[in-house]
Amino acid sequence: MTVRNTIEQAAKSVANALNPAEGPSSDILDTLQEEHDEVQELLGNLTKTDNVAEQKTLLNKIKQALIPHTKAEEAIVYDKVAALNSEEAKIDGAEGYTEHALASATLMQLAKLGAGTPEFKANAKVLKELVDHHVREEERNIWSQVKENFSDEQRKQMNRDFLAAKKRVPIS
């Protein structure tokens, strides 16, 4: 490693330490990673608890996090990936949309079910498994498309656009 590379790496490390990952100067993939971790933790807690009040609270938190995330991610990330001149990228984007729709339908079903019921627990487990599967594939397939096809500055702009788009998503 050259002195210049060492200095550039150190500067990036300092910038990352000074800027929270969801800041407008961050890479979209850093923000998505944080949000994936947050939702997966909430879903893990939801599937483990039998406390009805806690189930309701967790379900609301998941809804508040997941709906804006998926809608903004589709508009800012998936649409850009699907627009690439690659059949694989188009398939990955379409699969992401499909899995988001399934997660949304399962989330809405959970909201209709009574917390504390066996049906609620079963649907919570299905939602967790669906999101876990989706996140693994997205982080492998979509993210590799983003890394290969978009510059650091483009990914930072995607992050700014993503954060703005999330604010515009209505949560019903």
N, C-alpha and C. Protein backbone atom coordinates (compact mmCIF):
# COMPACT_ATOMS: atom_id res chain seq x y z
N MET A 1 0.85 -1.18 0.00
CA MET A 1 0.00 0.00 0.00
C MET A 1 0.90 1.24 0.00
N THR A 2 0.56 2.17 -0.88
CA THR A 2 1.35 3.39 -0.97
C THR A 2 0.98 4.35 0.14
N VAL A 3 1.82 5.35 0.35
CA VAL A 3 1.54 6.37 1.36
C VAL A 3 0.23 7.07 1.02
N ARG A 4 0.04 7.36 -0.26
CA ARG A 4 -1.20 8.05 -0.67
C ARG A 4 -2.43 7.20 -0.35
N ASN A 5 -2.37 5.90 -0.65
CA ASN A 5 -3.49 5.02 -0.34
C ASN A 5 -3.74 4.96 1.16
N THR A 6 -2.68 4.92 1.93
CA THR A 6 -2.82 4.89 3.39
C THR A 6 -3.49 6.15 3.89
N ILE A 7 -3.10 7.29 3.36
CA ILE A 7 -3.70 8.57 3.76
C ILE A 7 -5.17 8.61 3.35
N GLU A 8 -5.47 8.18 2.11
CA GLU A 8 -6.87 8.18 1.65
C GLU A 8 -7.72 7.26 2.51
N GLN A 9 -7.20 6.08 2.85
CA GLN A 9 -7.93 5.14 3.70
C GLN A 9 -8.16 5.73 5.08
N ALA A 10 -7.16 6.39 5.63
CA ALA A 10 -7.29 7.02 6.95
C ALA A 10 -8.33 8.13 6.90
N ALA A 11 -8.32 8.92 5.83
CA ALA A 11 -9.30 10.00 5.68
C ALA A 11 -10.71 9.44 5.61
N LYS A 12 -10.89 8.34 4.88
CA LYS A 12 -12.22 7.70 4.81
C LYS A 12 -12.65 7.19 6.18
N SER A 13 -11.71 6.61 6.91
CA SER A 13 -12.04 6.11 8.24
C SER A 13 -12.47 7.23 9.17
N VAL A 14 -11.76 8.34 9.12
CA VAL A 14 -12.13 9.50 9.93
C VAL A 14 -13.49 10.03 9.51
N ALA A 15 -13.72 10.15 8.21
CA ALA A 15 -15.02 10.65 7.71
C ALA A 15 -16.15 9.73 8.14
N ASN A 16 -15.94 8.42 8.07
CA ASN A 16 -16.96 7.48 8.49
C ASN A 16 -17.22 7.57 9.99
N ALA A 17 -16.19 7.80 10.76
CA ALA A 17 -16.36 7.92 12.20
C ALA A 17 -17.11 9.20 12.57
N LEU A 18 -16.90 10.25 11.80
CA LEU A 18 -17.55 11.52 12.09
C LEU A 18 -18.98 11.60 11.56
N ASN A 19 -19.29 10.83 10.53
CA ASN A 19 -20.62 10.85 9.93
C ASN A 19 -21.37 9.59 10.27
N PRO A 20 -22.56 9.71 10.85
CA PRO A 20 -23.35 8.51 11.11
C PRO A 20 -23.70 7.85 9.78
N ALA A 21 -23.89 6.54 9.80
CA ALA A 21 -24.10 5.79 8.57
C ALA A 21 -25.34 6.26 7.80
N GLU A 22 -26.32 6.82 8.46
CA GLU A 22 -27.49 7.27 7.73
C GLU A 22 -27.39 8.73 7.31
N GLY A 23 -26.23 9.31 7.45
CA GLY A 23 -26.03 10.69 7.02
C GLY A 23 -26.07 10.80 5.52
N PRO A 24 -26.32 12.00 5.01
CA PRO A 24 -26.45 12.18 3.57
C PRO A 24 -25.17 11.93 2.80
N SER A 25 -24.01 11.89 3.46
CA SER A 25 -22.76 11.64 2.76
C SER A 25 -22.36 10.16 2.82
N SER A 26 -23.24 9.32 3.31
CA SER A 26 -22.94 7.90 3.44
C SER A 26 -23.33 7.13 2.19
N ASP A 27 -22.73 5.99 2.05
CA ASP A 27 -23.04 5.05 0.98
C ASP A 27 -24.42 4.44 1.26
N ILE A 28 -25.22 4.29 0.24
CA ILE A 28 -26.56 3.70 0.37
C ILE A 28 -26.47 2.32 1.02
N LEU A 29 -25.43 1.56 0.71
CA LEU A 29 -25.33 0.21 1.25
C LEU A 29 -25.11 0.21 2.76
N ASP A 30 -24.44 1.23 3.29
CA ASP A 30 -24.27 1.34 4.74
C ASP A 30 -25.62 1.58 5.42
N THR A 31 -26.41 2.47 4.84
CA THR A 31 -27.73 2.77 5.40
C THR A 31 -28.63 1.54 5.33
N LEU A 32 -28.64 0.87 4.18
CA LEU A 32 -29.46 -0.32 4.03
C LEU A 32 -29.05 -1.40 5.03
N GLN A 33 -27.75 -1.55 5.25
CA GLN A 33 -27.27 -2.55 6.22
C GLN A 33 -27.81 -2.24 7.61
N GLU A 34 -27.72 -1.00 8.02
CA GLU A 34 -28.23 -0.63 9.35
C GLU A 34 -29.73 -0.90 9.47
N GLU A 35 -30.47 -0.56 8.42
CA GLU A 35 -31.92 -0.76 8.46
C GLU A 35 -32.28 -2.24 8.42
N HIS A 36 -31.55 -3.03 7.65
CA HIS A 36 -31.79 -4.47 7.65
C HIS A 36 -31.55 -5.05 9.04
N ASP A 37 -30.46 -4.66 9.66
CA ASP A 37 -30.14 -5.15 11.00
C ASP A 37 -31.23 -4.78 12.00
N GLU A 38 -31.71 -3.54 11.90
CA GLU A 38 -32.76 -3.07 12.83
C GLU A 38 -34.03 -3.89 12.67
N VAL A 39 -34.49 -4.09 11.44
CA VAL A 39 -35.74 -4.82 11.22
C VAL A 39 -35.58 -6.29 11.60
N GLN A 40 -34.44 -6.88 11.29
CA GLN A 40 -34.23 -8.28 11.66
C GLN A 40 -34.22 -8.45 13.18
N GLU A 41 -33.66 -7.50 13.90
CA GLU A 41 -33.67 -7.56 15.36
C GLU A 41 -35.10 -7.44 15.89
N LEU A 42 -35.86 -6.50 15.34
CA LEU A 42 -37.26 -6.34 15.77
C LEU A 42 -38.07 -7.61 15.49
N LEU A 43 -37.87 -8.20 14.32
CA LEU A 43 -38.59 -9.43 13.98
C LEU A 43 -38.18 -10.59 14.89
N GLY A 44 -36.90 -10.66 15.22
CA GLY A 44 -36.45 -11.69 16.16
C GLY A 44 -37.12 -11.53 17.51
N ASN A 45 -37.21 -10.31 17.98
CA ASN A 45 -37.89 -10.05 19.26
C ASN A 45 -39.37 -10.38 19.17
N LEU A 46 -40.00 -10.06 18.04
CA LEU A 46 -41.42 -10.33 17.86
C LEU A 46 -41.71 -11.83 17.92
N THR A 47 -40.86 -12.62 17.29
CA THR A 47 -41.11 -14.07 17.27
C THR A 47 -40.81 -14.73 18.62
N LYS A 48 -40.05 -14.06 19.46
CA LYS A 48 -39.66 -14.66 20.75
C LYS A 48 -40.62 -14.32 21.89
N THR A 49 -41.32 -13.19 21.78
CA THR A 49 -42.13 -12.75 22.92
C THR A 49 -43.54 -13.32 22.87
N ASP A 50 -44.08 -13.59 24.06
CA ASP A 50 -45.47 -13.99 24.19
C ASP A 50 -46.29 -12.88 24.83
N ASN A 51 -45.64 -11.76 25.16
CA ASN A 51 -46.30 -10.62 25.79
C ASN A 51 -47.09 -9.87 24.72
N VAL A 52 -48.41 -9.81 24.90
CA VAL A 52 -49.30 -9.21 23.90
C VAL A 52 -48.98 -7.73 23.68
N ALA A 53 -48.78 -6.99 24.75
CA ALA A 53 -48.48 -5.56 24.61
C ALA A 53 -47.16 -5.37 23.86
N GLU A 54 -46.17 -6.19 24.17
CA GLU A 54 -44.88 -6.09 23.49
C GLU A 54 -45.02 -6.47 22.01
N GLN A 55 -45.84 -7.47 21.71
CA GLN A 55 -46.08 -7.86 20.32
C GLN A 55 -46.67 -6.68 19.53
N LYS A 56 -47.64 -5.99 20.12
CA LYS A 56 -48.27 -4.85 19.45
C LYS A 56 -47.26 -3.72 19.23
N THR A 57 -46.45 -3.44 20.24
CA THR A 57 -45.43 -2.40 20.13
C THR A 57 -44.41 -2.75 19.05
N LEU A 58 -43.93 -3.98 19.07
CA LEU A 58 -42.94 -4.41 18.08
C LEU A 58 -43.52 -4.39 16.67
N LEU A 59 -44.77 -4.82 16.52
CA LEU A 59 -45.40 -4.81 15.21
C LEU A 59 -45.47 -3.39 14.66
N ASN A 60 -45.82 -2.44 15.51
CA ASN A 60 -45.87 -1.04 15.08
C ASN A 60 -44.48 -0.54 14.67
N LYS A 61 -43.46 -0.88 15.45
CA LYS A 61 -42.09 -0.46 15.11
C LYS A 61 -41.64 -1.08 13.78
N ILE A 62 -41.99 -2.33 13.56
CA ILE A 62 -41.63 -3.01 12.31
C ILE A 62 -42.32 -2.33 11.14
N LYS A 63 -43.59 -2.03 11.31
CA LYS A 63 -44.34 -1.35 10.25
C LYS A 63 -43.74 0.02 9.94
N GLN A 64 -43.39 0.78 10.97
CA GLN A 64 -42.80 2.12 10.80
C GLN A 64 -41.44 2.05 10.09
N ALA A 65 -40.71 0.96 10.31
CA ALA A 65 -39.39 0.81 9.70
C ALA A 65 -39.46 0.18 8.31
N LEU A 66 -40.29 -0.84 8.16
CA LEU A 66 -40.28 -1.65 6.95
C LEU A 66 -40.97 -0.98 5.76
N ILE A 67 -42.11 -0.35 5.98
CA ILE A 67 -42.86 0.22 4.86
C ILE A 67 -42.06 1.32 4.15
N PRO A 68 -41.57 2.34 4.85
CA PRO A 68 -40.78 3.35 4.14
C PRO A 68 -39.51 2.77 3.51
N HIS A 69 -38.88 1.84 4.20
CA HIS A 69 -37.66 1.23 3.69
C HIS A 69 -37.92 0.55 2.34
N THR A 70 -38.93 -0.30 2.29
CA THR A 70 -39.16 -1.05 1.05
C THR A 70 -39.58 -0.15 -0.10
N LYS A 71 -40.44 0.81 0.16
CA LYS A 71 -40.91 1.70 -0.92
C LYS A 71 -39.76 2.57 -1.45
N ALA A 72 -38.97 3.12 -0.56
CA ALA A 72 -37.84 3.96 -0.99
C ALA A 72 -36.78 3.11 -1.67
N GLU A 73 -36.54 1.93 -1.16
CA GLU A 73 -35.55 1.05 -1.76
C GLU A 73 -35.95 0.66 -3.19
N GLU A 74 -37.22 0.39 -3.39
CA GLU A 74 -37.69 0.06 -4.74
C GLU A 74 -37.44 1.22 -5.69
N ALA A 75 -37.82 2.41 -5.28
CA ALA A 75 -37.71 3.59 -6.15
C ALA A 75 -36.27 4.00 -6.40
N ILE A 76 -35.43 3.90 -5.40
CA ILE A 76 -34.07 4.44 -5.51
C ILE A 76 -33.04 3.38 -5.90
N VAL A 77 -33.20 2.17 -5.42
CA VAL A 77 -32.20 1.14 -5.69
C VAL A 77 -32.67 0.16 -6.77
N TYR A 78 -33.81 -0.47 -6.53
CA TYR A 78 -34.26 -1.52 -7.46
C TYR A 78 -34.50 -0.98 -8.87
N ASP A 79 -35.12 0.18 -8.98
CA ASP A 79 -35.38 0.72 -10.31
C ASP A 79 -34.09 1.00 -11.07
N LYS A 80 -33.08 1.48 -10.35
CA LYS A 80 -31.77 1.75 -10.99
C LYS A 80 -31.08 0.44 -11.39
N VAL A 81 -31.17 -0.55 -10.54
CA VAL A 81 -30.56 -1.85 -10.85
C VAL A 81 -31.30 -2.50 -12.02
N ALA A 82 -32.62 -2.47 -11.99
CA ALA A 82 -33.42 -3.08 -13.06
C ALA A 82 -33.18 -2.39 -14.40
N ALA A 83 -32.78 -1.12 -14.38
CA ALA A 83 -32.53 -0.38 -15.61
C ALA A 83 -31.16 -0.71 -16.24
N LEU A 84 -30.34 -1.44 -15.52
CA LEU A 84 -29.03 -1.82 -16.07
C LEU A 84 -29.24 -2.77 -17.25
N ASN A 85 -28.28 -2.79 -18.14
CA ASN A 85 -28.38 -3.61 -19.34
C ASN A 85 -27.94 -5.04 -19.04
N SER A 86 -28.66 -5.68 -18.12
CA SER A 86 -28.31 -7.03 -17.69
C SER A 86 -29.59 -7.78 -17.34
N GLU A 87 -29.74 -8.95 -17.92
CA GLU A 87 -30.91 -9.79 -17.61
C GLU A 87 -30.92 -10.17 -16.13
N GLU A 88 -29.74 -10.49 -15.61
CA GLU A 88 -29.63 -10.86 -14.19
C GLU A 88 -30.08 -9.71 -13.29
N ALA A 89 -29.68 -8.48 -13.61
CA ALA A 89 -30.08 -7.32 -12.81
C ALA A 89 -31.59 -7.12 -12.86
N LYS A 90 -32.19 -7.32 -14.02
CA LYS A 90 -33.64 -7.17 -14.16
C LYS A 90 -34.38 -8.22 -13.33
N ILE A 91 -33.87 -9.43 -13.34
CA ILE A 91 -34.48 -10.51 -12.56
C ILE A 91 -34.32 -10.22 -11.07
N ASP A 92 -33.12 -9.80 -10.65
CA ASP A 92 -32.89 -9.48 -9.24
C ASP A 92 -33.83 -8.37 -8.77
N GLY A 93 -34.00 -7.34 -9.59
CA GLY A 93 -34.91 -6.25 -9.25
C GLY A 93 -36.35 -6.72 -9.13
N ALA A 94 -36.79 -7.54 -10.09
CA ALA A 94 -38.16 -8.07 -10.07
C ALA A 94 -38.39 -8.97 -8.86
N GLU A 95 -37.39 -9.76 -8.53
CA GLU A 95 -37.50 -10.63 -7.36
C GLU A 95 -37.62 -9.80 -6.08
N GLY A 96 -36.84 -8.73 -5.99
CA GLY A 96 -36.92 -7.86 -4.83
C GLY A 96 -38.29 -7.25 -4.67
N TYR A 97 -38.86 -6.77 -5.78
CA TYR A 97 -40.22 -6.22 -5.74
C TYR A 97 -41.21 -7.27 -5.24
N THR A 98 -41.09 -8.49 -5.76
CA THR A 98 -42.01 -9.57 -5.38
C THR A 98 -41.89 -9.89 -3.89
N GLU A 99 -40.66 -9.99 -3.41
CA GLU A 99 -40.47 -10.29 -1.99
C GLU A 99 -40.95 -9.15 -1.10
N HIS A 100 -40.78 -7.93 -1.53
CA HIS A 100 -41.32 -6.79 -0.77
C HIS A 100 -42.84 -6.88 -0.70
N ALA A 101 -43.49 -7.22 -1.82
CA ALA A 101 -44.96 -7.34 -1.84
C ALA A 101 -45.42 -8.44 -0.89
N LEU A 102 -44.72 -9.55 -0.87
CA LEU A 102 -45.07 -10.65 0.03
C LEU A 102 -44.89 -10.24 1.49
N ALA A 103 -43.80 -9.54 1.79
CA ALA A 103 -43.57 -9.07 3.15
C ALA A 103 -44.65 -8.07 3.57
N SER A 104 -45.02 -7.18 2.66
CA SER A 104 -46.05 -6.20 2.96
C SER A 104 -47.40 -6.87 3.23
N ALA A 105 -47.74 -7.85 2.42
CA ALA A 105 -49.01 -8.58 2.61
C ALA A 105 -49.00 -9.32 3.95
N THR A 106 -47.89 -9.92 4.29
CA THR A 106 -47.79 -10.65 5.56
C THR A 106 -47.85 -9.67 6.73
N LEU A 107 -47.23 -8.51 6.59
CA LEU A 107 -47.28 -7.48 7.62
C LEU A 107 -48.71 -7.00 7.83
N MET A 108 -49.44 -6.78 6.75
CA MET A 108 -50.82 -6.34 6.85
C MET A 108 -51.69 -7.43 7.49
N GLN A 109 -51.43 -8.69 7.15
CA GLN A 109 -52.15 -9.80 7.76
C GLN A 109 -51.89 -9.83 9.26
N LEU A 110 -50.66 -9.62 9.66
CA LEU A 110 -50.32 -9.58 11.09
C LEU A 110 -51.10 -8.49 11.81
N ALA A 111 -51.23 -7.34 11.17
CA ALA A 111 -51.94 -6.21 11.79
C ALA A 111 -53.42 -6.55 12.02
N LYS A 112 -53.96 -7.41 11.18
CA LYS A 112 -55.38 -7.79 11.32
C LYS A 112 -55.59 -8.87 12.38
N LEU A 113 -54.57 -9.65 12.64
CA LEU A 113 -54.69 -10.74 13.60
C LEU A 113 -54.56 -10.22 15.02
N GLY A 114 -55.14 -10.90 15.93
CA GLY A 114 -55.00 -10.53 17.33
C GLY A 114 -53.65 -10.96 17.87
N ALA A 115 -52.95 -10.01 18.46
CA ALA A 115 -51.66 -10.34 19.09
C ALA A 115 -51.90 -11.40 20.15
N GLY A 116 -50.94 -12.26 20.32
CA GLY A 116 -51.03 -13.30 21.35
C GLY A 116 -51.69 -14.58 20.86
N THR A 117 -52.20 -14.59 19.64
CA THR A 117 -52.85 -15.79 19.11
C THR A 117 -51.83 -16.67 18.40
N PRO A 118 -52.14 -17.95 18.27
CA PRO A 118 -51.24 -18.83 17.51
C PRO A 118 -51.06 -18.36 16.06
N GLU A 119 -52.12 -17.82 15.46
CA GLU A 119 -52.04 -17.32 14.09
C GLU A 119 -51.08 -16.13 13.99
N PHE A 120 -51.12 -15.26 14.98
CA PHE A 120 -50.21 -14.12 15.01
C PHE A 120 -48.77 -14.61 15.08
N LYS A 121 -48.50 -15.54 16.00
CA LYS A 121 -47.14 -16.08 16.15
C LYS A 121 -46.68 -16.74 14.84
N ALA A 122 -47.57 -17.49 14.19
CA ALA A 122 -47.21 -18.17 12.94
C ALA A 122 -46.88 -17.15 11.85
N ASN A 123 -47.69 -16.13 11.72
CA ASN A 123 -47.45 -15.11 10.70
C ASN A 123 -46.19 -14.30 11.00
N ALA A 124 -45.93 -14.05 12.28
CA ALA A 124 -44.70 -13.34 12.66
C ALA A 124 -43.48 -14.17 12.26
N LYS A 125 -43.56 -15.48 12.47
CA LYS A 125 -42.45 -16.37 12.10
C LYS A 125 -42.26 -16.36 10.58
N VAL A 126 -43.35 -16.42 9.83
CA VAL A 126 -43.27 -16.41 8.37
C VAL A 126 -42.66 -15.09 7.89
N LEU A 127 -43.09 -13.98 8.47
CA LEU A 127 -42.54 -12.68 8.07
C LEU A 127 -41.04 -12.62 8.35
N LYS A 128 -40.63 -13.10 9.52
CA LYS A 128 -39.21 -13.10 9.85
C LYS A 128 -38.42 -13.95 8.85
N GLU A 129 -38.91 -15.13 8.54
CA GLU A 129 -38.22 -16.01 7.60
C GLU A 129 -38.16 -15.38 6.20
N LEU A 130 -39.24 -14.75 5.79
CA LEU A 130 -39.29 -14.10 4.49
C LEU A 130 -38.27 -12.95 4.42
N VAL A 131 -38.25 -12.13 5.45
CA VAL A 131 -37.33 -10.99 5.48
C VAL A 131 -35.88 -11.49 5.56
N ASP A 132 -35.62 -12.49 6.37
CA ASP A 132 -34.26 -13.04 6.47
C ASP A 132 -33.78 -13.54 5.11
N HIS A 133 -34.63 -14.29 4.42
CA HIS A 133 -34.29 -14.80 3.09
C HIS A 133 -34.05 -13.64 2.12
N HIS A 134 -34.95 -12.69 2.13
CA HIS A 134 -34.86 -11.54 1.23
C HIS A 134 -33.57 -10.76 1.46
N VAL A 135 -33.25 -10.49 2.70
CA VAL A 135 -32.06 -9.71 3.04
C VAL A 135 -30.79 -10.43 2.57
N ARG A 136 -30.73 -11.74 2.81
CA ARG A 136 -29.55 -12.51 2.38
C ARG A 136 -29.36 -12.39 0.86
N GLU A 137 -30.42 -12.58 0.11
CA GLU A 137 -30.31 -12.52 -1.35
C GLU A 137 -30.03 -11.10 -1.83
N GLU A 138 -30.70 -10.13 -1.25
CA GLU A 138 -30.48 -8.74 -1.67
C GLU A 138 -29.05 -8.31 -1.40
N GLU A 139 -28.55 -8.64 -0.23
CA GLU A 139 -27.19 -8.23 0.12
C GLU A 139 -26.15 -8.93 -0.77
N ARG A 140 -26.49 -10.09 -1.29
CA ARG A 140 -25.59 -10.79 -2.19
C ARG A 140 -25.78 -10.31 -3.64
N ASN A 141 -27.00 -10.27 -4.13
CA ASN A 141 -27.25 -10.02 -5.55
C ASN A 141 -27.40 -8.55 -5.91
N ILE A 142 -28.34 -7.87 -5.29
CA ILE A 142 -28.58 -6.46 -5.60
C ILE A 142 -27.35 -5.63 -5.25
N TRP A 143 -26.80 -5.87 -4.07
CA TRP A 143 -25.66 -5.07 -3.63
C TRP A 143 -24.46 -5.26 -4.54
N SER A 144 -24.27 -6.46 -5.06
CA SER A 144 -23.14 -6.65 -5.98
C SER A 144 -23.38 -5.86 -7.26
N GLN A 145 -24.63 -5.76 -7.70
CA GLN A 145 -24.96 -4.95 -8.87
C GLN A 145 -24.67 -3.47 -8.58
N VAL A 146 -25.05 -3.02 -7.39
CA VAL A 146 -24.81 -1.63 -7.01
C VAL A 146 -23.31 -1.34 -6.96
N LYS A 147 -22.55 -2.22 -6.32
CA LYS A 147 -21.10 -2.02 -6.20
C LYS A 147 -20.42 -2.00 -7.57
N GLU A 148 -20.85 -2.87 -8.47
CA GLU A 148 -20.21 -2.99 -9.78
C GLU A 148 -20.58 -1.85 -10.74
N ASN A 149 -21.76 -1.26 -10.57
CA ASN A 149 -22.28 -0.36 -11.59
C ASN A 149 -22.41 1.10 -11.18
N PHE A 150 -22.20 1.40 -9.89
CA PHE A 150 -22.38 2.76 -9.43
C PHE A 150 -21.15 3.21 -8.64
N SER A 151 -20.69 4.41 -8.92
CA SER A 151 -19.51 4.96 -8.25
C SER A 151 -19.83 5.29 -6.79
N ASP A 152 -18.79 5.59 -6.03
CA ASP A 152 -18.97 6.01 -4.64
C ASP A 152 -19.90 7.21 -4.55
N GLU A 153 -19.68 8.20 -5.42
CA GLU A 153 -20.51 9.41 -5.39
C GLU A 153 -21.96 9.09 -5.79
N GLN A 154 -22.15 8.22 -6.74
CA GLN A 154 -23.51 7.83 -7.13
C GLN A 154 -24.21 7.12 -5.98
N ARG A 155 -23.48 6.29 -5.25
CA ARG A 155 -24.08 5.58 -4.11
C ARG A 155 -24.40 6.55 -2.97
N LYS A 156 -23.58 7.57 -2.80
CA LYS A 156 -23.90 8.60 -1.80
C LYS A 156 -25.14 9.37 -2.21
N GLN A 157 -25.27 9.68 -3.50
CA GLN A 157 -26.47 10.36 -3.99
C GLN A 157 -27.70 9.46 -3.83
N MET A 158 -27.53 8.19 -4.10
CA MET A 158 -28.63 7.24 -3.89
C MET A 158 -29.07 7.27 -2.43
N ASN A 159 -28.11 7.37 -1.52
CA ASN A 159 -28.44 7.41 -0.10
C ASN A 159 -29.24 8.67 0.23
N ARG A 160 -28.81 9.81 -0.30
CA ARG A 160 -29.55 11.06 -0.06
C ARG A 160 -30.97 10.94 -0.62
N ASP A 161 -31.09 10.38 -1.82
CA ASP A 161 -32.41 10.21 -2.45
C ASP A 161 -33.27 9.22 -1.66
N PHE A 162 -32.64 8.16 -1.17
CA PHE A 162 -33.34 7.15 -0.38
C PHE A 162 -33.90 7.75 0.90
N LEU A 163 -33.07 8.50 1.62
CA LEU A 163 -33.53 9.11 2.88
C LEU A 163 -34.67 10.10 2.63
N ALA A 164 -34.59 10.85 1.54
CA ALA A 164 -35.67 11.79 1.20
C ALA A 164 -36.93 11.03 0.80
N ALA A 165 -36.79 9.97 0.03
CA ALA A 165 -37.95 9.19 -0.41
C ALA A 165 -38.65 8.54 0.77
N LYS A 166 -37.90 8.07 1.76
CA LYS A 166 -38.52 7.46 2.94
C LYS A 166 -39.45 8.42 3.65
N LYS A 167 -39.06 9.68 3.68
CA LYS A 167 -39.87 10.69 4.38
C LYS A 167 -41.20 10.94 3.69
N ARG A 168 -41.27 10.62 2.41
CA ARG A 168 -42.50 10.86 1.64
C ARG A 168 -43.46 9.67 1.64
N VAL A 169 -43.07 8.56 2.23
CA VAL A 169 -43.90 7.36 2.21
C VAL A 169 -44.94 7.43 3.33
N PRO A 170 -46.22 7.38 2.95
CA PRO A 170 -47.26 7.35 3.99
C PRO A 170 -47.32 5.96 4.65
N ILE A 171 -47.53 5.97 5.94
CA ILE A 171 -47.66 4.69 6.67
C ILE A 171 -49.09 4.60 7.15
N SER A 172 -49.80 3.64 6.56
CA SER A 172 -51.23 3.51 6.92
C SER A 172 -51.44 2.57 8.08
